[in-house]
Amino acid sequence: MFSLLSPGGYAWFPAFAGARMRAGVAVAITLVFIVYATVLAQLWQPQGLFLLCDILLHYVTPVLFVLWWLVAGADGSTRWRDISWWMIYPVAYLAYALARAPIAGEVPYPFLDVAKNGAAGVAVSALGITGLFLVLCIVAVLADHGISRIRSPGVHQGTKKAS
């Protein structure tokens, strides 16, 4: 038997079974939370079930995932080089969104609209969000290592204290 709180719970998608990957997901979902709450939420006023879905998707889910990661997922295994792997998804998504926009005639986010903001405006927005993502990555690695030290105070830098 397994639960979603254990690595076995990810048998349906083994790439997410690793603690280091889940740390990257925590970073990405935190970025979604921040960008939505600060930039995108005021662009619409959902009502009824749309409001419930909006709150669950953009506020509750990110908070619960990050709390779960901090409590059950952070184990000190992240490495600084993991940040380069975590960067692949947001950079690839940015490239996809920008390449798709002229073909589809729409952009997923107003700050990526080259026609309205100009290339320089979109570049500034993209760099700002990328910078925020990098800061969140650094915080995640530090938090992962810090939580690991709190849980295992006798284990430091790969050595165990004599019992």
C-alpha atoms as a PDB file:
ATOM      1  CA  MET A   1       0.000   0.000   0.000  1.00  0.00           C
ATOM      2  CA  PHE A   2       1.224   3.510  -0.719  1.00  0.00           C
ATOM      3  CA  SER A   3       0.067   7.072  -0.405  1.00  0.00           C
ATOM      4  CA  LEU A   4       0.803  10.262  -2.279  1.00  0.00           C
ATOM      5  CA  LEU A   5       2.993  11.233   0.670  1.00  0.00           C
ATOM      6  CA  SER A   6       5.473   8.481  -0.163  1.00  0.00           C
ATOM      7  CA  PRO A   7       7.678   8.085  -3.225  1.00  0.00           C
ATOM      8  CA  GLY A   8       5.678   4.959  -4.093  1.00  0.00           C
ATOM      9  CA  GLY A   9       2.637   7.189  -4.561  1.00  0.00           C
ATOM     10  CA  TYR A  10       4.301   8.543  -7.681  1.00  0.00           C
ATOM     11  CA  ALA A  11       4.364   5.194  -9.459  1.00  0.00           C
ATOM     12  CA  TRP A  12       2.099   6.695 -12.121  1.00  0.00           C
ATOM     13  CA  PHE A  13       4.833   9.220 -13.010  1.00  0.00           C
ATOM     14  CA  PRO A  14       8.235   8.077 -11.725  1.00  0.00           C
ATOM     15  CA  ALA A  15      10.045  11.273 -12.745  1.00  0.00           C
ATOM     16  CA  PHE A  16       8.318  13.014  -9.833  1.00  0.00           C
ATOM     17  CA  ALA A  17       9.308  10.367  -7.289  1.00  0.00           C
ATOM     18  CA  GLY A  18      12.628  12.062  -6.591  1.00  0.00           C
ATOM     19  CA  ALA A  19      12.836  14.566  -3.765  1.00  0.00           C
ATOM     20  CA  ARG A  20      14.983  16.853  -5.892  1.00  0.00           C
ATOM     21  CA  MET A  21      12.338  17.012  -8.627  1.00  0.00           C
ATOM     22  CA  ARG A  22       9.599  17.712  -6.086  1.00  0.00           C
ATOM     23  CA  ALA A  23      11.657  20.631  -4.787  1.00  0.00           C
ATOM     24  CA  GLY A  24      11.680  22.048  -8.311  1.00  0.00           C
ATOM     25  CA  VAL A  25       7.921  21.580  -8.554  1.00  0.00           C
ATOM     26  CA  ALA A  26       7.541  23.429  -5.237  1.00  0.00           C
ATOM     27  CA  VAL A  27       9.519  26.317  -6.737  1.00  0.00           C
ATOM     28  CA  ALA A  28       7.429  26.370  -9.918  1.00  0.00           C
ATOM     29  CA  ILE A  29       4.102  26.247  -8.108  1.00  0.00           C
ATOM     30  CA  THR A  30       5.262  29.010  -5.757  1.00  0.00           C
ATOM     31  CA  LEU A  31       6.053  31.154  -8.788  1.00  0.00           C
ATOM     32  CA  VAL A  32       2.554  30.464 -10.161  1.00  0.00           C
ATOM     33  CA  PHE A  33       1.057  31.511  -6.828  1.00  0.00           C
ATOM     34  CA  ILE A  34       3.047  34.756  -6.689  1.00  0.00           C
ATOM     35  CA  VAL A  35       2.488  35.794 -10.315  1.00  0.00           C
ATOM     36  CA  TYR A  36      -1.205  34.972 -10.164  1.00  0.00           C
ATOM     37  CA  ALA A  37      -1.793  36.753  -6.854  1.00  0.00           C
ATOM     38  CA  THR A  38       0.171  39.865  -7.776  1.00  0.00           C
ATOM     39  CA  VAL A  39      -0.454  40.269 -11.517  1.00  0.00           C
ATOM     40  CA  LEU A  40      -3.179  38.061 -12.932  1.00  0.00           C
ATOM     41  CA  ALA A  41      -5.905  37.829 -10.274  1.00  0.00           C
ATOM     42  CA  GLN A  42      -7.120  41.386 -10.805  1.00  0.00           C
ATOM     43  CA  LEU A  43      -7.724  40.737 -14.510  1.00  0.00           C
ATOM     44  CA  TRP A  44     -10.989  38.926 -13.839  1.00  0.00           C
ATOM     45  CA  GLN A  45     -13.626  38.573 -11.134  1.00  0.00           C
ATOM     46  CA  PRO A  46     -14.757  34.959 -11.002  1.00  0.00           C
ATOM     47  CA  GLN A  47     -18.103  34.153  -9.391  1.00  0.00           C
ATOM     48  CA  GLY A  48     -19.673  31.011  -7.964  1.00  0.00           C
ATOM     49  CA  LEU A  49     -17.905  27.780  -8.894  1.00  0.00           C
ATOM     50  CA  PHE A  50     -15.360  29.692 -10.973  1.00  0.00           C
ATOM     51  CA  LEU A  51     -14.332  31.545  -7.823  1.00  0.00           C
ATOM     52  CA  LEU A  52     -14.063  28.295  -5.876  1.00  0.00           C
ATOM     53  CA  CYS A  53     -11.953  26.711  -8.632  1.00  0.00           C
ATOM     54  CA  ASP A  54      -9.817  29.843  -8.860  1.00  0.00           C
ATOM     55  CA  ILE A  55      -9.113  29.825  -5.124  1.00  0.00           C
ATOM     56  CA  LEU A  56      -8.410  26.087  -5.024  1.00  0.00           C
ATOM     57  CA  LEU A  57      -6.157  26.127  -8.098  1.00  0.00           C
ATOM     58  CA  HIS A  58      -4.173  29.318  -7.578  1.00  0.00           C
ATOM     59  CA  TYR A  59      -4.028  29.678  -3.796  1.00  0.00           C
ATOM     60  CA  VAL A  60      -4.866  26.480  -1.893  1.00  0.00           C
ATOM     61  CA  THR A  61      -3.020  23.987  -4.115  1.00  0.00           C
ATOM     62  CA  PRO A  62       0.303  25.869  -4.160  1.00  0.00           C
ATOM     63  CA  VAL A  63       0.234  26.443  -0.407  1.00  0.00           C
ATOM     64  CA  LEU A  64      -0.642  22.813   0.323  1.00  0.00           C
ATOM     65  CA  PHE A  65       2.019  21.455  -2.032  1.00  0.00           C
ATOM     66  CA  VAL A  66       4.766  23.644  -0.587  1.00  0.00           C
ATOM     67  CA  LEU A  67       3.711  22.803   2.984  1.00  0.00           C
ATOM     68  CA  TRP A  68       3.671  19.113   2.093  1.00  0.00           C
ATOM     69  CA  TRP A  69       7.105  19.403   0.513  1.00  0.00           C
ATOM     70  CA  LEU A  70       8.495  21.193   3.577  1.00  0.00           C
ATOM     71  CA  VAL A  71       6.999  18.620   5.975  1.00  0.00           C
ATOM     72  CA  ALA A  72       7.375  15.364   4.055  1.00  0.00           C
ATOM     73  CA  GLY A  73       9.521  15.987   0.990  1.00  0.00           C
ATOM     74  CA  ALA A  74      12.466  18.151   1.951  1.00  0.00           C
ATOM     75  CA  ASP A  75      15.348  15.837   2.788  1.00  0.00           C
ATOM     76  CA  GLY A  76      18.565  17.727   2.102  1.00  0.00           C
ATOM     77  CA  SER A  77      19.180  16.019  -1.231  1.00  0.00           C
ATOM     78  CA  THR A  78      18.910  19.090  -3.461  1.00  0.00           C
ATOM     79  CA  ARG A  79      22.066  20.377  -5.077  1.00  0.00           C
ATOM     80  CA  TRP A  80      22.878  23.780  -6.520  1.00  0.00           C
ATOM     81  CA  ARG A  81      23.160  22.178  -9.960  1.00  0.00           C
ATOM     82  CA  ASP A  82      19.496  21.119  -9.707  1.00  0.00           C
ATOM     83  CA  ILE A  83      18.564  24.731 -10.380  1.00  0.00           C
ATOM     84  CA  SER A  84      19.732  24.374 -13.981  1.00  0.00           C
ATOM     85  CA  TRP A  85      17.366  21.403 -14.408  1.00  0.00           C
ATOM     86  CA  TRP A  86      14.490  23.269 -12.756  1.00  0.00           C
ATOM     87  CA  MET A  87      15.025  26.173 -15.188  1.00  0.00           C
ATOM     88  CA  ILE A  88      14.300  24.011 -18.239  1.00  0.00           C
ATOM     89  CA  TYR A  89      10.521  24.026 -17.855  1.00  0.00           C
ATOM     90  CA  PRO A  90       9.933  27.784 -17.382  1.00  0.00           C
ATOM     91  CA  VAL A  91      12.403  28.756 -20.122  1.00  0.00           C
ATOM     92  CA  ALA A  92      10.910  26.186 -22.519  1.00  0.00           C
ATOM     93  CA  TYR A  93       7.393  27.375 -21.669  1.00  0.00           C
ATOM     94  CA  LEU A  94       8.392  30.997 -22.294  1.00  0.00           C
ATOM     95  CA  ALA A  95       9.845  30.064 -25.692  1.00  0.00           C
ATOM     96  CA  TYR A  96       6.714  28.065 -26.543  1.00  0.00           C
ATOM     97  CA  ALA A  97       4.345  30.876 -25.478  1.00  0.00           C
ATOM     98  CA  LEU A  98       6.260  33.495 -27.453  1.00  0.00           C
ATOM     99  CA  ALA A  99       6.540  31.275 -30.549  1.00  0.00           C
ATOM    100  CA  ARG A 100       2.867  30.298 -30.370  1.00  0.00           C
ATOM    101  CA  ALA A 101       1.490  33.831 -29.901  1.00  0.00           C
ATOM    102  CA  PRO A 102       1.777  35.038 -33.522  1.00  0.00           C
ATOM    103  CA  ILE A 103       0.369  31.758 -34.814  1.00  0.00           C
ATOM    104  CA  ALA A 104      -2.533  31.547 -32.365  1.00  0.00           C
ATOM    105  CA  GLY A 105      -3.187  35.269 -32.257  1.00  0.00           C
ATOM    106  CA  GLU A 106      -3.247  35.295 -28.472  1.00  0.00           C
ATOM    107  CA  VAL A 107      -0.896  35.192 -25.503  1.00  0.00           C
ATOM    108  CA  PRO A 108      -1.461  33.298 -22.258  1.00  0.00           C
ATOM    109  CA  TYR A 109      -0.492  36.297 -20.095  1.00  0.00           C
ATOM    110  CA  PRO A 110      -0.784  40.019 -20.806  1.00  0.00           C
ATOM    111  CA  PHE A 111       2.839  40.680 -19.821  1.00  0.00           C
ATOM    112  CA  LEU A 112       3.941  38.447 -22.732  1.00  0.00           C
ATOM    113  CA  ASP A 113       2.005  40.437 -25.328  1.00  0.00           C
ATOM    114  CA  VAL A 114       4.685  41.858 -27.643  1.00  0.00           C
ATOM    115  CA  ALA A 115       2.071  43.802 -29.663  1.00  0.00           C
ATOM    116  CA  LYS A 116       0.928  45.744 -26.568  1.00  0.00           C
ATOM    117  CA  ASN A 117       4.125  45.883 -24.504  1.00  0.00           C
ATOM    118  CA  GLY A 118       6.834  45.815 -27.157  1.00  0.00           C
ATOM    119  CA  ALA A 119       9.722  43.372 -27.253  1.00  0.00           C
ATOM    120  CA  ALA A 120      11.637  45.317 -24.598  1.00  0.00           C
ATOM    121  CA  GLY A 121       8.649  45.299 -22.228  1.00  0.00           C
ATOM    122  CA  VAL A 122       8.165  41.558 -22.658  1.00  0.00           C
ATOM    123  CA  ALA A 123      11.912  40.992 -22.174  1.00  0.00           C
ATOM    124  CA  VAL A 124      11.854  42.988 -18.917  1.00  0.00           C
ATOM    125  CA  SER A 125       8.846  40.999 -17.675  1.00  0.00           C
ATOM    126  CA  ALA A 126      10.449  37.698 -18.676  1.00  0.00           C
ATOM    127  CA  LEU A 127      13.733  38.604 -17.002  1.00  0.00           C
ATOM    128  CA  GLY A 128      11.926  39.740 -13.862  1.00  0.00           C
ATOM    129  CA  ILE A 129       9.968  36.505 -13.584  1.00  0.00           C
ATOM    130  CA  THR A 130      13.070  34.463 -14.373  1.00  0.00           C
ATOM    131  CA  GLY A 131      14.955  36.359 -11.673  1.00  0.00           C
ATOM    132  CA  LEU A 132      12.166  35.651  -9.193  1.00  0.00           C
ATOM    133  CA  PHE A 133      12.274  31.985 -10.172  1.00  0.00           C
ATOM    134  CA  LEU A 134      16.034  31.882  -9.525  1.00  0.00           C
ATOM    135  CA  VAL A 135      15.580  33.499  -6.108  1.00  0.00           C
ATOM    136  CA  LEU A 136      12.899  30.920  -5.264  1.00  0.00           C
ATOM    137  CA  CYS A 137      15.266  28.149  -6.403  1.00  0.00           C
ATOM    138  CA  ILE A 138      17.964  29.409  -4.030  1.00  0.00           C
ATOM    139  CA  VAL A 139      15.447  29.616  -1.191  1.00  0.00           C
ATOM    140  CA  ALA A 140      14.292  26.057  -1.927  1.00  0.00           C
ATOM    141  CA  VAL A 141      17.819  24.604  -1.837  1.00  0.00           C
ATOM    142  CA  LEU A 142      18.592  26.465   1.391  1.00  0.00           C
ATOM    143  CA  ALA A 143      15.262  25.392   2.930  1.00  0.00           C
ATOM    144  CA  ASP A 144      15.819  21.779   1.890  1.00  0.00           C
ATOM    145  CA  HIS A 145      19.262  21.722   3.489  1.00  0.00           C
ATOM    146  CA  GLY A 146      18.074  23.605   6.573  1.00  0.00           C
ATOM    147  CA  ILE A 147      15.152  21.280   7.186  1.00  0.00           C
ATOM    148  CA  SER A 148      17.427  18.286   6.740  1.00  0.00           C
ATOM    149  CA  ARG A 149      19.797  19.656   9.411  1.00  0.00           C
ATOM    150  CA  ILE A 150      16.905  20.229  11.807  1.00  0.00           C
ATOM    151  CA  ARG A 151      15.616  16.686  11.293  1.00  0.00           C
ATOM    152  CA  SER A 152      19.055  15.073  11.535  1.00  0.00           C
ATOM    153  CA  PRO A 153      21.242  17.275  13.708  1.00  0.00           C
ATOM    154  CA  GLY A 154      23.931  14.585  13.954  1.00  0.00           C
ATOM    155  CA  VAL A 155      24.431  14.398  10.195  1.00  0.00           C
ATOM    156  CA  HIS A 156      26.464  17.194   8.591  1.00  0.00           C
ATOM    157  CA  GLN A 157      28.202  17.247   5.220  1.00  0.00           C
ATOM    158  CA  GLY A 158      27.819  13.523   4.687  1.00  0.00           C
ATOM    159  CA  THR A 159      29.326  12.428   8.013  1.00  0.00           C
ATOM    160  CA  LYS A 160      27.511  10.976  10.967  1.00  0.00           C
ATOM    161  CA  LYS A 161      28.253  11.713  14.589  1.00  0.00           C
ATOM    162  CA  ALA A 162      29.545   8.753  16.554  1.00  0.00           C
ATOM    163  CA  SER A 163      26.851   7.201  18.747  1.00  0.00           C
END
